[in-house]
């Protein structure tokens, strides 16, 4: 079972449908016990980091997801779900250091700059189609069969920090991580695969196939 975690941050049904269309046994769950027993975890979402992290911490979801990731359970974070992989996020936080996330990947999620280094202004939030540019010539496991520079759908105002697990970037005022890959088991995507037509559907199928492969090892 692939647990699509309900932490009151939207897009659940469309992600569940996408995973099921890709052949996965996806179910929307919010109970930490059910999450702990899942074969894989998907954390979708649109919203503020602080609200999401606070709810997950109070409900027990944060601890269970962190423990599952550390024990090798495959994970996919989408948009806000990717941000929550990091140590901290400033969105909605009352402290300068930000609210604690899952802490799997180092760094703090910050607001996207509204201007580039030359002073050109960009509309924030970043909404619409944009390309995902691979850092390496070899295709990522999550993007098998998807060409470099393929367009995906984005909607966000905050971005993850550059980090050792950045595998693809996208440009909008700055180059920001749009795919992270933590030891080929834990993935984050800044775009919304459930809104990204055929390319997004292929990302979800690749994740379902990776989950099946991992559980056959």
N, C-alpha and C. Protein backbone atom coordinates (compact mmCIF):
# COMPACT_ATOMS: atom_id res chain seq x y z
N UNK A 1 0.84 -1.20 0.00
CA UNK A 1 0.00 0.00 0.00
C UNK A 1 0.88 1.25 0.00
N UNK A 2 0.56 2.20 -0.88
CA UNK A 2 1.23 3.50 -0.91
C UNK A 2 0.34 4.48 -0.15
N UNK A 3 0.85 5.01 0.94
CA UNK A 3 0.08 5.94 1.76
C UNK A 3 0.22 7.36 1.20
N UNK A 4 -0.91 7.94 0.79
CA UNK A 4 -0.95 9.36 0.43
C UNK A 4 -1.38 10.09 1.70
N UNK A 5 -0.46 10.81 2.30
CA UNK A 5 -0.68 11.33 3.65
C UNK A 5 -1.59 12.56 3.63
N UNK A 6 -2.66 12.48 4.41
CA UNK A 6 -3.59 13.59 4.58
C UNK A 6 -3.15 14.41 5.79
N UNK A 7 -2.57 15.59 5.52
CA UNK A 7 -2.22 16.50 6.61
C UNK A 7 -2.87 17.85 6.35
N UNK A 8 -4.07 17.77 5.74
CA UNK A 8 -4.93 18.94 5.52
C UNK A 8 -4.31 19.95 4.56
N UNK A 9 -3.59 19.45 3.52
CA UNK A 9 -2.94 20.36 2.59
C UNK A 9 -3.20 20.03 1.12
N UNK A 10 -4.37 19.51 0.79
CA UNK A 10 -4.86 19.47 -0.58
C UNK A 10 -4.19 18.55 -1.57
N UNK A 11 -4.81 18.46 -2.75
CA UNK A 11 -4.33 17.68 -3.90
C UNK A 11 -4.32 16.18 -3.65
N UNK A 12 -4.99 15.73 -2.62
CA UNK A 12 -4.90 14.32 -2.25
C UNK A 12 -5.55 13.41 -3.28
N UNK A 13 -6.77 13.72 -3.68
CA UNK A 13 -7.50 12.82 -4.57
C UNK A 13 -6.84 12.73 -5.94
N UNK A 14 -6.35 13.85 -6.45
CA UNK A 14 -5.71 13.81 -7.77
C UNK A 14 -4.41 13.02 -7.72
N UNK A 15 -3.66 13.12 -6.63
CA UNK A 15 -2.44 12.33 -6.49
C UNK A 15 -2.79 10.85 -6.33
N UNK A 16 -3.80 10.56 -5.51
CA UNK A 16 -4.23 9.17 -5.35
C UNK A 16 -4.65 8.57 -6.69
N UNK A 17 -5.44 9.31 -7.48
CA UNK A 17 -5.88 8.81 -8.79
C UNK A 17 -4.69 8.59 -9.71
N UNK A 18 -3.72 9.51 -9.69
CA UNK A 18 -2.55 9.37 -10.53
C UNK A 18 -1.73 8.14 -10.19
N UNK A 19 -1.56 7.87 -8.90
CA UNK A 19 -0.81 6.69 -8.48
C UNK A 19 -1.55 5.41 -8.82
N UNK A 20 -2.87 5.42 -8.69
CA UNK A 20 -3.66 4.24 -9.04
C UNK A 20 -3.62 3.99 -10.54
N UNK A 21 -3.68 5.06 -11.33
CA UNK A 21 -3.59 4.91 -12.78
C UNK A 21 -2.22 4.35 -13.19
N UNK A 22 -1.22 4.61 -12.36
CA UNK A 22 0.13 4.09 -12.62
C UNK A 22 0.32 2.66 -12.11
N UNK A 23 -0.73 2.09 -11.52
CA UNK A 23 -0.65 0.71 -11.05
C UNK A 23 -0.38 0.55 -9.58
N UNK A 24 -0.38 1.64 -8.83
CA UNK A 24 -0.10 1.56 -7.40
C UNK A 24 -1.36 1.41 -6.57
N UNK A 25 -1.24 0.71 -5.46
CA UNK A 25 -2.35 0.58 -4.50
C UNK A 25 -2.28 1.76 -3.55
N UNK A 26 -2.77 2.91 -4.02
CA UNK A 26 -2.67 4.15 -3.25
C UNK A 26 -3.92 4.35 -2.41
N UNK A 27 -3.71 4.79 -1.17
CA UNK A 27 -4.81 5.08 -0.26
C UNK A 27 -4.49 6.34 0.53
N UNK A 28 -5.49 7.21 0.68
CA UNK A 28 -5.34 8.41 1.49
C UNK A 28 -5.47 8.02 2.96
N UNK A 29 -4.45 8.35 3.76
CA UNK A 29 -4.46 7.97 5.17
C UNK A 29 -3.97 9.16 6.01
N UNK A 30 -4.44 9.21 7.25
CA UNK A 30 -3.94 10.23 8.17
C UNK A 30 -3.47 9.64 9.49
N UNK A 31 -3.84 8.40 9.76
CA UNK A 31 -3.48 7.75 11.02
C UNK A 31 -2.01 7.34 11.00
N UNK A 32 -1.21 7.77 11.98
CA UNK A 32 0.20 7.39 12.01
C UNK A 32 0.44 5.88 11.97
N UNK A 33 -0.47 5.10 12.55
CA UNK A 33 -0.32 3.64 12.52
C UNK A 33 -0.40 3.12 11.09
N UNK A 34 -1.35 3.65 10.31
CA UNK A 34 -1.48 3.23 8.91
C UNK A 34 -0.28 3.68 8.10
N UNK A 35 0.21 4.88 8.37
CA UNK A 35 1.39 5.37 7.66
C UNK A 35 2.60 4.47 7.95
N UNK A 36 2.74 4.06 9.20
CA UNK A 36 3.88 3.23 9.60
C UNK A 36 3.87 1.88 8.90
N UNK A 37 2.69 1.38 8.52
CA UNK A 37 2.59 0.07 7.88
C UNK A 37 2.62 0.15 6.36
N UNK A 38 2.72 1.34 5.81
CA UNK A 38 2.71 1.51 4.36
C UNK A 38 4.01 1.02 3.74
N UNK A 39 3.93 0.53 2.50
CA UNK A 39 5.12 0.11 1.76
C UNK A 39 5.84 1.30 1.14
N UNK A 40 5.13 2.41 0.99
CA UNK A 40 5.71 3.64 0.48
C UNK A 40 4.85 4.80 0.96
N UNK A 41 5.44 5.99 0.96
CA UNK A 41 4.73 7.18 1.45
C UNK A 41 4.84 8.29 0.42
N UNK A 42 3.70 8.93 0.15
CA UNK A 42 3.67 10.11 -0.72
C UNK A 42 3.10 11.26 0.10
N UNK A 43 3.82 12.39 0.09
CA UNK A 43 3.42 13.57 0.85
C UNK A 43 3.19 14.71 -0.15
N UNK A 44 1.94 14.90 -0.61
CA UNK A 44 1.64 16.00 -1.52
C UNK A 44 1.30 17.26 -0.73
N UNK A 45 0.96 18.34 -1.44
CA UNK A 45 0.46 19.48 -0.68
C UNK A 45 0.77 20.84 -1.25
N UNK A 46 -0.11 21.77 -0.95
CA UNK A 46 0.07 23.19 -1.25
C UNK A 46 -0.31 23.95 0.02
N UNK A 47 0.56 24.83 0.48
CA UNK A 47 0.25 25.57 1.70
C UNK A 47 1.50 26.00 2.41
N UNK A 48 1.34 26.49 3.62
CA UNK A 48 2.46 27.04 4.39
C UNK A 48 3.21 25.95 5.14
N UNK A 49 4.52 26.06 5.13
CA UNK A 49 5.39 25.08 5.80
C UNK A 49 5.04 24.98 7.28
N UNK A 50 4.91 26.12 7.95
CA UNK A 50 4.68 26.10 9.39
C UNK A 50 3.37 25.38 9.75
N UNK A 51 2.29 25.70 9.04
CA UNK A 51 1.00 25.05 9.31
C UNK A 51 1.12 23.54 9.14
N UNK A 52 1.75 23.14 8.02
CA UNK A 52 1.86 21.71 7.73
C UNK A 52 2.72 21.00 8.77
N UNK A 53 3.89 21.55 9.04
CA UNK A 53 4.81 20.90 9.98
C UNK A 53 4.22 20.85 11.39
N UNK A 54 3.53 21.90 11.79
CA UNK A 54 2.93 21.93 13.13
C UNK A 54 1.84 20.87 13.26
N UNK A 55 1.01 20.75 12.23
CA UNK A 55 -0.03 19.72 12.26
C UNK A 55 0.58 18.32 12.30
N UNK A 56 1.59 18.10 11.46
CA UNK A 56 2.22 16.78 11.41
C UNK A 56 2.90 16.43 12.72
N UNK A 57 3.52 17.41 13.36
CA UNK A 57 4.18 17.15 14.65
C UNK A 57 3.16 16.82 15.72
N UNK A 58 2.07 17.59 15.77
CA UNK A 58 1.05 17.37 16.81
C UNK A 58 0.30 16.07 16.62
N UNK A 59 0.11 15.65 15.36
CA UNK A 59 -0.66 14.44 15.07
C UNK A 59 0.15 13.16 15.18
N UNK A 60 1.47 13.29 15.26
CA UNK A 60 2.35 12.12 15.29
C UNK A 60 2.83 11.69 13.92
N UNK A 61 2.34 12.35 12.86
CA UNK A 61 2.74 11.97 11.50
C UNK A 61 4.23 12.22 11.26
N UNK A 62 4.74 13.33 11.80
CA UNK A 62 6.12 13.70 11.54
C UNK A 62 7.09 12.62 12.02
N UNK A 63 6.90 12.16 13.23
CA UNK A 63 7.80 11.14 13.79
C UNK A 63 7.70 9.84 13.01
N UNK A 64 6.50 9.43 12.67
CA UNK A 64 6.31 8.17 11.95
C UNK A 64 6.94 8.24 10.55
N UNK A 65 6.72 9.35 9.85
CA UNK A 65 7.29 9.47 8.51
C UNK A 65 8.81 9.51 8.56
N UNK A 66 9.35 10.26 9.51
CA UNK A 66 10.81 10.32 9.66
C UNK A 66 11.38 8.93 9.95
N UNK A 67 10.75 8.20 10.85
CA UNK A 67 11.22 6.85 11.18
C UNK A 67 11.12 5.91 9.98
N UNK A 68 10.04 6.03 9.22
CA UNK A 68 9.86 5.18 8.04
C UNK A 68 10.93 5.46 7.00
N UNK A 69 11.20 6.73 6.75
CA UNK A 69 12.25 7.09 5.79
C UNK A 69 13.59 6.54 6.25
N UNK A 70 13.91 6.72 7.53
CA UNK A 70 15.19 6.25 8.05
C UNK A 70 15.31 4.74 8.03
N UNK A 71 14.18 4.03 8.00
CA UNK A 71 14.23 2.57 7.94
C UNK A 71 14.18 2.05 6.50
N UNK A 72 14.15 2.96 5.52
CA UNK A 72 14.24 2.54 4.13
C UNK A 72 12.96 2.56 3.33
N UNK A 73 11.87 3.05 3.89
CA UNK A 73 10.61 3.11 3.16
C UNK A 73 10.69 4.15 2.03
N UNK A 74 10.34 3.79 0.79
CA UNK A 74 10.36 4.77 -0.30
C UNK A 74 9.42 5.93 -0.02
N UNK A 75 9.83 7.12 -0.47
CA UNK A 75 9.08 8.34 -0.16
C UNK A 75 9.11 9.26 -1.36
N UNK A 76 7.98 9.91 -1.62
CA UNK A 76 7.91 10.96 -2.64
C UNK A 76 7.21 12.17 -2.04
N UNK A 77 7.91 13.32 -2.02
CA UNK A 77 7.33 14.57 -1.56
C UNK A 77 7.05 15.47 -2.75
N UNK A 78 5.85 16.03 -2.80
CA UNK A 78 5.43 16.87 -3.92
C UNK A 78 5.21 18.30 -3.44
N UNK A 79 5.92 19.24 -4.03
CA UNK A 79 5.81 20.68 -3.72
C UNK A 79 6.06 20.90 -2.22
N UNK A 80 5.05 21.25 -1.44
CA UNK A 80 5.24 21.41 0.00
C UNK A 80 5.78 20.13 0.62
N UNK A 81 5.37 18.99 0.10
CA UNK A 81 5.88 17.71 0.60
C UNK A 81 7.37 17.56 0.41
N UNK A 82 7.90 18.12 -0.68
CA UNK A 82 9.35 18.15 -0.88
C UNK A 82 10.00 19.10 0.12
N UNK A 83 9.41 20.28 0.34
CA UNK A 83 9.98 21.22 1.30
C UNK A 83 10.11 20.60 2.69
N UNK A 84 9.14 19.81 3.06
CA UNK A 84 9.15 19.22 4.41
C UNK A 84 10.25 18.20 4.62
N UNK A 85 10.92 17.77 3.55
CA UNK A 85 12.08 16.89 3.70
C UNK A 85 13.25 17.62 4.37
N UNK A 86 13.25 18.95 4.32
CA UNK A 86 14.40 19.72 4.78
C UNK A 86 14.34 19.99 6.28
N UNK A 87 15.43 20.52 6.81
CA UNK A 87 15.53 20.75 8.26
C UNK A 87 14.56 21.81 8.75
N UNK A 88 14.43 22.90 7.97
CA UNK A 88 13.62 24.02 8.42
C UNK A 88 12.92 24.68 7.24
N UNK A 89 11.85 25.43 7.55
CA UNK A 89 11.18 26.26 6.56
C UNK A 89 10.70 27.54 7.21
N UNK A 90 10.87 28.68 6.53
CA UNK A 90 10.53 29.96 7.14
C UNK A 90 9.08 30.38 6.86
N UNK A 91 8.41 29.72 5.91
CA UNK A 91 7.06 30.14 5.53
C UNK A 91 6.09 30.00 6.69
N UNK A 92 5.55 31.12 7.15
CA UNK A 92 4.59 31.11 8.24
C UNK A 92 5.20 30.98 9.62
N UNK A 93 6.52 30.88 9.71
CA UNK A 93 7.17 30.67 10.99
C UNK A 93 7.30 31.97 11.78
N UNK A 94 7.21 31.87 13.09
CA UNK A 94 7.38 33.03 13.96
C UNK A 94 8.82 33.20 14.43
N UNK A 95 9.71 32.31 14.01
CA UNK A 95 11.11 32.40 14.41
C UNK A 95 12.00 32.62 13.20
N UNK A 96 13.15 33.26 13.41
CA UNK A 96 14.06 33.56 12.32
C UNK A 96 14.66 32.30 11.70
N UNK A 97 14.83 31.27 12.51
CA UNK A 97 15.43 30.04 12.00
C UNK A 97 14.43 29.15 11.29
N UNK A 98 13.14 29.42 11.44
CA UNK A 98 12.12 28.64 10.77
C UNK A 98 11.60 27.49 11.61
N UNK A 99 10.58 26.84 11.07
CA UNK A 99 9.95 25.69 11.72
C UNK A 99 10.66 24.41 11.32
N UNK A 100 10.76 23.47 12.25
CA UNK A 100 11.43 22.20 11.96
C UNK A 100 10.62 21.35 10.98
N UNK A 101 11.33 20.80 9.99
CA UNK A 101 10.74 19.83 9.08
C UNK A 101 11.19 18.43 9.45
N UNK A 102 11.16 17.53 8.46
CA UNK A 102 11.57 16.15 8.70
C UNK A 102 13.07 16.04 8.96
N UNK A 103 13.86 16.96 8.42
CA UNK A 103 15.29 16.96 8.69
C UNK A 103 16.06 15.89 7.96
N UNK A 104 15.52 15.36 6.87
CA UNK A 104 16.22 14.33 6.10
C UNK A 104 17.34 14.95 5.27
N UNK A 105 17.09 16.14 4.72
CA UNK A 105 18.05 16.83 3.88
C UNK A 105 18.40 18.16 4.56
N UNK A 106 19.68 18.53 4.60
CA UNK A 106 20.07 19.77 5.30
C UNK A 106 19.62 21.02 4.56
N UNK A 107 19.35 22.07 5.35
CA UNK A 107 19.04 23.36 4.76
C UNK A 107 17.67 23.88 5.14
N UNK A 108 17.43 25.14 4.79
CA UNK A 108 16.20 25.84 5.14
C UNK A 108 15.49 26.30 3.87
N UNK A 109 14.20 26.02 3.78
CA UNK A 109 13.37 26.45 2.66
C UNK A 109 13.06 27.94 2.83
N UNK A 110 13.37 28.73 1.78
CA UNK A 110 13.22 30.18 1.83
C UNK A 110 12.29 30.68 0.73
N UNK A 111 11.84 31.92 0.86
CA UNK A 111 11.01 32.53 -0.18
C UNK A 111 11.83 32.74 -1.45
N UNK A 112 11.23 32.49 -2.59
CA UNK A 112 11.88 32.72 -3.87
C UNK A 112 12.11 34.22 -4.08
N UNK A 113 13.31 34.61 -4.51
CA UNK A 113 13.55 36.04 -4.77
C UNK A 113 12.65 36.56 -5.88
N UNK A 114 12.25 37.82 -5.78
CA UNK A 114 11.39 38.41 -6.80
C UNK A 114 12.18 39.05 -7.93
N UNK A 115 13.51 39.04 -7.83
CA UNK A 115 14.36 39.60 -8.89
C UNK A 115 15.60 38.74 -9.05
N UNK A 116 16.13 38.69 -10.26
CA UNK A 116 17.35 37.93 -10.50
C UNK A 116 18.58 38.79 -10.20
N UNK A 117 19.76 38.26 -10.46
CA UNK A 117 21.00 38.96 -10.13
C UNK A 117 21.17 40.25 -10.93
N UNK A 118 20.51 40.34 -12.08
CA UNK A 118 20.60 41.54 -12.91
C UNK A 118 19.52 42.57 -12.57
N UNK A 119 18.65 42.24 -11.61
CA UNK A 119 17.60 43.16 -11.21
C UNK A 119 16.29 43.01 -11.96
N UNK A 120 16.21 42.03 -12.84
CA UNK A 120 14.96 41.78 -13.57
C UNK A 120 13.94 41.18 -12.61
N UNK A 121 12.73 41.72 -12.61
CA UNK A 121 11.71 41.27 -11.67
C UNK A 121 10.89 40.12 -12.25
N UNK A 122 10.51 39.21 -11.36
CA UNK A 122 9.72 38.03 -11.73
C UNK A 122 8.47 37.99 -10.87
N UNK A 123 7.41 37.47 -11.45
CA UNK A 123 6.16 37.34 -10.70
C UNK A 123 6.27 36.20 -9.70
N UNK A 124 5.94 36.48 -8.46
CA UNK A 124 5.90 35.49 -7.39
C UNK A 124 4.47 35.49 -6.82
N UNK A 125 3.80 34.37 -6.71
CA UNK A 125 4.31 33.01 -6.88
C UNK A 125 4.61 32.64 -8.33
N UNK A 126 5.48 31.66 -8.46
CA UNK A 126 5.83 31.07 -9.74
C UNK A 126 4.74 30.06 -10.10
N UNK A 127 3.91 30.40 -11.07
CA UNK A 127 2.79 29.55 -11.45
C UNK A 127 2.82 29.31 -12.95
N UNK A 128 2.76 28.04 -13.34
CA UNK A 128 2.69 27.70 -14.75
C UNK A 128 3.71 26.64 -15.13
N UNK A 129 3.88 26.48 -16.44
CA UNK A 129 4.76 25.44 -16.98
C UNK A 129 6.19 25.95 -17.09
N UNK A 130 7.13 25.11 -16.70
CA UNK A 130 8.54 25.46 -16.78
C UNK A 130 9.34 24.17 -16.94
N UNK A 131 10.57 24.32 -17.40
CA UNK A 131 11.38 23.14 -17.69
C UNK A 131 12.12 22.64 -16.45
N UNK A 132 12.38 21.35 -16.46
CA UNK A 132 13.20 20.69 -15.45
C UNK A 132 14.49 20.25 -16.14
N UNK A 133 15.60 20.73 -15.62
CA UNK A 133 16.89 20.53 -16.28
C UNK A 133 17.78 19.62 -15.42
N UNK A 134 18.13 18.46 -15.97
CA UNK A 134 18.92 17.49 -15.23
C UNK A 134 20.35 18.00 -15.00
N UNK A 135 20.91 17.62 -13.87
CA UNK A 135 22.29 17.99 -13.56
C UNK A 135 23.29 17.02 -14.17
N UNK A 136 22.84 15.84 -14.55
CA UNK A 136 23.73 14.80 -15.07
C UNK A 136 23.16 14.27 -16.38
N UNK A 137 24.01 13.71 -17.21
CA UNK A 137 23.56 13.19 -18.50
C UNK A 137 22.69 11.95 -18.34
N UNK A 138 22.98 11.14 -17.34
CA UNK A 138 22.21 9.93 -17.11
C UNK A 138 20.86 10.28 -16.51
N UNK A 139 19.80 9.68 -17.05
CA UNK A 139 18.45 9.95 -16.55
C UNK A 139 18.31 9.50 -15.10
N UNK A 140 17.55 10.25 -14.34
CA UNK A 140 17.28 9.89 -12.95
C UNK A 140 16.30 8.72 -12.90
N UNK A 141 16.38 7.88 -11.86
CA UNK A 141 15.40 6.79 -11.74
C UNK A 141 13.96 7.29 -11.77
N UNK A 142 13.71 8.42 -11.14
CA UNK A 142 12.35 8.96 -11.08
C UNK A 142 11.90 9.51 -12.44
N UNK A 143 12.87 9.82 -13.30
CA UNK A 143 12.55 10.44 -14.60
C UNK A 143 12.91 9.54 -15.78
N UNK A 144 12.95 8.26 -15.54
CA UNK A 144 13.22 7.31 -16.63
C UNK A 144 12.21 7.52 -17.75
N UNK A 145 12.73 7.69 -18.98
CA UNK A 145 11.85 7.88 -20.13
C UNK A 145 11.37 9.30 -20.34
N UNK A 146 11.86 10.24 -19.54
CA UNK A 146 11.46 11.64 -19.65
C UNK A 146 12.68 12.45 -20.09
N UNK A 147 12.56 13.18 -21.18
CA UNK A 147 13.68 13.94 -21.72
C UNK A 147 14.07 15.10 -20.80
N UNK A 148 15.36 15.43 -20.87
CA UNK A 148 15.84 16.65 -20.21
C UNK A 148 15.09 17.86 -20.79
N UNK A 149 14.91 18.87 -19.98
CA UNK A 149 14.22 20.12 -20.36
C UNK A 149 12.73 19.93 -20.60
N UNK A 150 12.15 18.87 -20.10
CA UNK A 150 10.70 18.66 -20.23
C UNK A 150 9.96 19.65 -19.34
N UNK A 151 8.79 20.08 -19.80
CA UNK A 151 7.96 21.02 -19.05
C UNK A 151 7.08 20.30 -18.04
N UNK A 152 7.03 20.88 -16.83
CA UNK A 152 6.13 20.42 -15.77
C UNK A 152 5.39 21.64 -15.21
N UNK A 153 4.33 21.37 -14.45
CA UNK A 153 3.51 22.45 -13.92
C UNK A 153 3.91 22.80 -12.48
N UNK A 154 4.16 24.08 -12.23
CA UNK A 154 4.61 24.58 -10.93
C UNK A 154 3.59 25.56 -10.36
N UNK A 155 3.49 25.59 -9.05
CA UNK A 155 2.79 26.68 -8.35
C UNK A 155 3.35 26.79 -6.94
N UNK A 156 4.19 27.80 -6.70
CA UNK A 156 4.86 27.92 -5.39
C UNK A 156 5.52 29.28 -5.27
N UNK A 157 5.77 29.68 -4.02
CA UNK A 157 6.49 30.92 -3.73
C UNK A 157 7.79 30.68 -2.98
N UNK A 158 7.99 29.45 -2.49
CA UNK A 158 9.16 29.12 -1.69
C UNK A 158 9.96 28.03 -2.40
N UNK A 159 11.26 28.03 -2.14
CA UNK A 159 12.15 27.09 -2.82
C UNK A 159 13.10 26.43 -1.83
N UNK A 160 13.47 25.22 -2.17
CA UNK A 160 14.45 24.47 -1.37
C UNK A 160 15.85 25.03 -1.61
N UNK A 161 16.74 24.88 -0.64
CA UNK A 161 18.13 25.29 -0.85
C UNK A 161 18.85 24.30 -1.76
N UNK A 162 19.87 24.76 -2.46
CA UNK A 162 20.74 23.83 -3.20
C UNK A 162 21.38 22.91 -2.18
N UNK A 163 21.53 21.67 -2.55
CA UNK A 163 22.01 20.67 -1.60
C UNK A 163 22.65 19.52 -2.35
N UNK A 164 23.37 18.62 -1.67
CA UNK A 164 24.07 17.54 -2.36
C UNK A 164 23.15 16.57 -3.09
N UNK A 165 21.85 16.60 -2.79
CA UNK A 165 20.93 15.64 -3.39
C UNK A 165 20.10 16.26 -4.51
N UNK A 166 20.45 17.49 -4.92
CA UNK A 166 19.78 18.13 -6.05
C UNK A 166 20.13 17.38 -7.33
N UNK A 167 19.11 16.90 -8.04
CA UNK A 167 19.33 16.16 -9.27
C UNK A 167 18.81 16.88 -10.51
N UNK A 168 17.98 17.90 -10.30
CA UNK A 168 17.49 18.71 -11.42
C UNK A 168 17.12 20.08 -10.88
N UNK A 169 17.22 21.08 -11.75
CA UNK A 169 16.90 22.44 -11.36
C UNK A 169 15.94 23.07 -12.37
N UNK A 170 15.32 24.16 -11.93
CA UNK A 170 14.43 24.96 -12.77
C UNK A 170 14.75 26.43 -12.50
N UNK A 171 14.55 27.29 -13.50
CA UNK A 171 14.90 28.70 -13.35
C UNK A 171 13.67 29.58 -13.34
N UNK A 172 13.60 30.45 -12.33
CA UNK A 172 12.61 31.52 -12.26
C UNK A 172 13.14 32.50 -11.23
N UNK A 173 13.77 33.52 -11.67
CA UNK A 173 14.56 34.48 -10.90
C UNK A 173 15.88 33.88 -10.44
N UNK A 174 15.86 32.63 -9.97
CA UNK A 174 17.08 31.89 -9.61
C UNK A 174 16.90 30.44 -10.06
N UNK A 175 18.01 29.73 -10.11
CA UNK A 175 17.93 28.29 -10.34
C UNK A 175 17.68 27.61 -9.00
N UNK A 176 16.61 26.85 -8.90
CA UNK A 176 16.26 26.20 -7.65
C UNK A 176 16.09 24.69 -7.87
N UNK A 177 16.26 23.89 -6.84
CA UNK A 177 16.09 22.44 -6.98
C UNK A 177 14.64 22.11 -7.33
N UNK A 178 14.46 21.37 -8.41
CA UNK A 178 13.12 20.90 -8.77
C UNK A 178 12.97 19.40 -8.60
N UNK A 179 14.09 18.68 -8.45
CA UNK A 179 14.06 17.26 -8.08
C UNK A 179 15.21 16.99 -7.12
N UNK A 180 14.92 16.33 -6.02
CA UNK A 180 15.96 15.81 -5.13
C UNK A 180 15.82 14.29 -5.07
N UNK A 181 16.96 13.63 -4.92
CA UNK A 181 17.02 12.17 -4.89
C UNK A 181 17.97 11.78 -3.77
N UNK A 182 17.41 11.27 -2.69
CA UNK A 182 18.18 10.88 -1.51
C UNK A 182 18.35 9.37 -1.51
N UNK A 183 19.52 8.92 -2.03
CA UNK A 183 19.89 7.51 -2.04
C UNK A 183 18.90 6.64 -2.81
N UNK A 184 18.27 7.19 -3.84
CA UNK A 184 17.38 6.45 -4.75
C UNK A 184 16.19 5.80 -4.05
N UNK A 185 15.84 6.31 -2.88
CA UNK A 185 14.65 5.83 -2.17
C UNK A 185 13.73 6.98 -1.75
N UNK A 186 14.32 8.13 -1.56
CA UNK A 186 13.56 9.29 -1.08
C UNK A 186 13.68 10.39 -2.13
N UNK A 187 12.53 10.81 -2.66
CA UNK A 187 12.50 11.76 -3.75
C UNK A 187 11.62 12.95 -3.39
N UNK A 188 11.97 14.10 -3.94
CA UNK A 188 11.13 15.28 -3.82
C UNK A 188 11.05 15.97 -5.17
N UNK A 189 9.87 16.46 -5.53
CA UNK A 189 9.70 17.22 -6.76
C UNK A 189 8.99 18.52 -6.44
N UNK A 190 9.50 19.63 -6.96
CA UNK A 190 8.88 20.93 -6.71
C UNK A 190 7.62 21.11 -7.55
N UNK A 191 7.58 20.50 -8.71
CA UNK A 191 6.41 20.60 -9.59
C UNK A 191 5.31 19.63 -9.12
N UNK A 192 4.17 19.74 -9.78
CA UNK A 192 3.03 18.87 -9.47
C UNK A 192 2.86 17.83 -10.57
N UNK A 193 3.30 16.60 -10.35
CA UNK A 193 3.13 15.59 -11.40
C UNK A 193 1.67 15.32 -11.72
N UNK A 194 0.80 15.43 -10.72
CA UNK A 194 -0.62 15.15 -10.95
C UNK A 194 -1.28 16.21 -11.83
N UNK A 195 -0.58 17.33 -12.09
CA UNK A 195 -1.10 18.39 -12.97
C UNK A 195 -0.25 18.55 -14.23
N UNK A 196 0.69 17.62 -14.45
CA UNK A 196 1.70 17.80 -15.50
C UNK A 196 1.54 16.85 -16.67
N UNK A 197 0.30 16.50 -17.00
CA UNK A 197 -0.01 15.74 -18.19
C UNK A 197 0.80 14.43 -18.26
N UNK A 198 1.24 14.06 -19.48
CA UNK A 198 1.88 12.75 -19.67
C UNK A 198 3.20 12.63 -18.92
N UNK A 199 3.98 13.73 -18.89
CA UNK A 199 5.27 13.69 -18.19
C UNK A 199 5.06 13.44 -16.70
N UNK A 200 4.07 14.11 -16.12
CA UNK A 200 3.78 13.90 -14.71
C UNK A 200 3.29 12.50 -14.42
N UNK A 201 2.45 11.97 -15.32
CA UNK A 201 1.97 10.60 -15.15
C UNK A 201 3.13 9.61 -15.19
N UNK A 202 4.13 9.90 -16.03
CA UNK A 202 5.29 9.01 -16.12
C UNK A 202 6.11 9.06 -14.83
N UNK A 203 6.23 10.25 -14.21
CA UNK A 203 6.93 10.36 -12.93
C UNK A 203 6.25 9.48 -11.88
N UNK A 204 4.93 9.54 -11.81
CA UNK A 204 4.21 8.73 -10.83
C UNK A 204 4.37 7.24 -11.12
N UNK A 205 4.34 6.87 -12.40
CA UNK A 205 4.54 5.45 -12.75
C UNK A 205 5.95 5.00 -12.39
N UNK A 206 6.94 5.86 -12.64
CA UNK A 206 8.31 5.51 -12.28
C UNK A 206 8.43 5.30 -10.77
N UNK A 207 7.75 6.13 -9.99
CA UNK A 207 7.80 5.95 -8.54
C UNK A 207 7.14 4.63 -8.14
N UNK A 208 5.99 4.34 -8.70
CA UNK A 208 5.32 3.06 -8.40
C UNK A 208 6.22 1.88 -8.77
N UNK A 209 6.88 1.96 -9.92
CA UNK A 209 7.78 0.88 -10.34
C UNK A 209 8.99 0.77 -9.42
N UNK A 210 9.52 1.90 -8.96
CA UNK A 210 10.65 1.89 -8.02
C UNK A 210 10.25 1.23 -6.70
N UNK A 211 9.04 1.53 -6.23
CA UNK A 211 8.54 0.93 -4.99
C UNK A 211 8.47 -0.58 -5.15
N UNK A 212 7.92 -1.03 -6.28
CA UNK A 212 7.80 -2.47 -6.51
C UNK A 212 9.18 -3.13 -6.57
N UNK A 213 10.13 -2.45 -7.22
CA UNK A 213 11.49 -3.01 -7.34
C UNK A 213 12.16 -3.10 -5.97
N UNK A 214 12.03 -2.05 -5.17
CA UNK A 214 12.64 -2.03 -3.85
C UNK A 214 12.10 -3.17 -2.98
N UNK A 215 10.80 -3.41 -3.07
CA UNK A 215 10.20 -4.46 -2.24
C UNK A 215 10.45 -5.86 -2.77
N UNK A 216 11.04 -5.95 -3.96
CA UNK A 216 11.42 -7.26 -4.49
C UNK A 216 12.90 -7.57 -4.22
N UNK A 217 13.61 -6.57 -3.69
CA UNK A 217 15.06 -6.78 -3.43
C UNK A 217 15.29 -7.79 -2.31
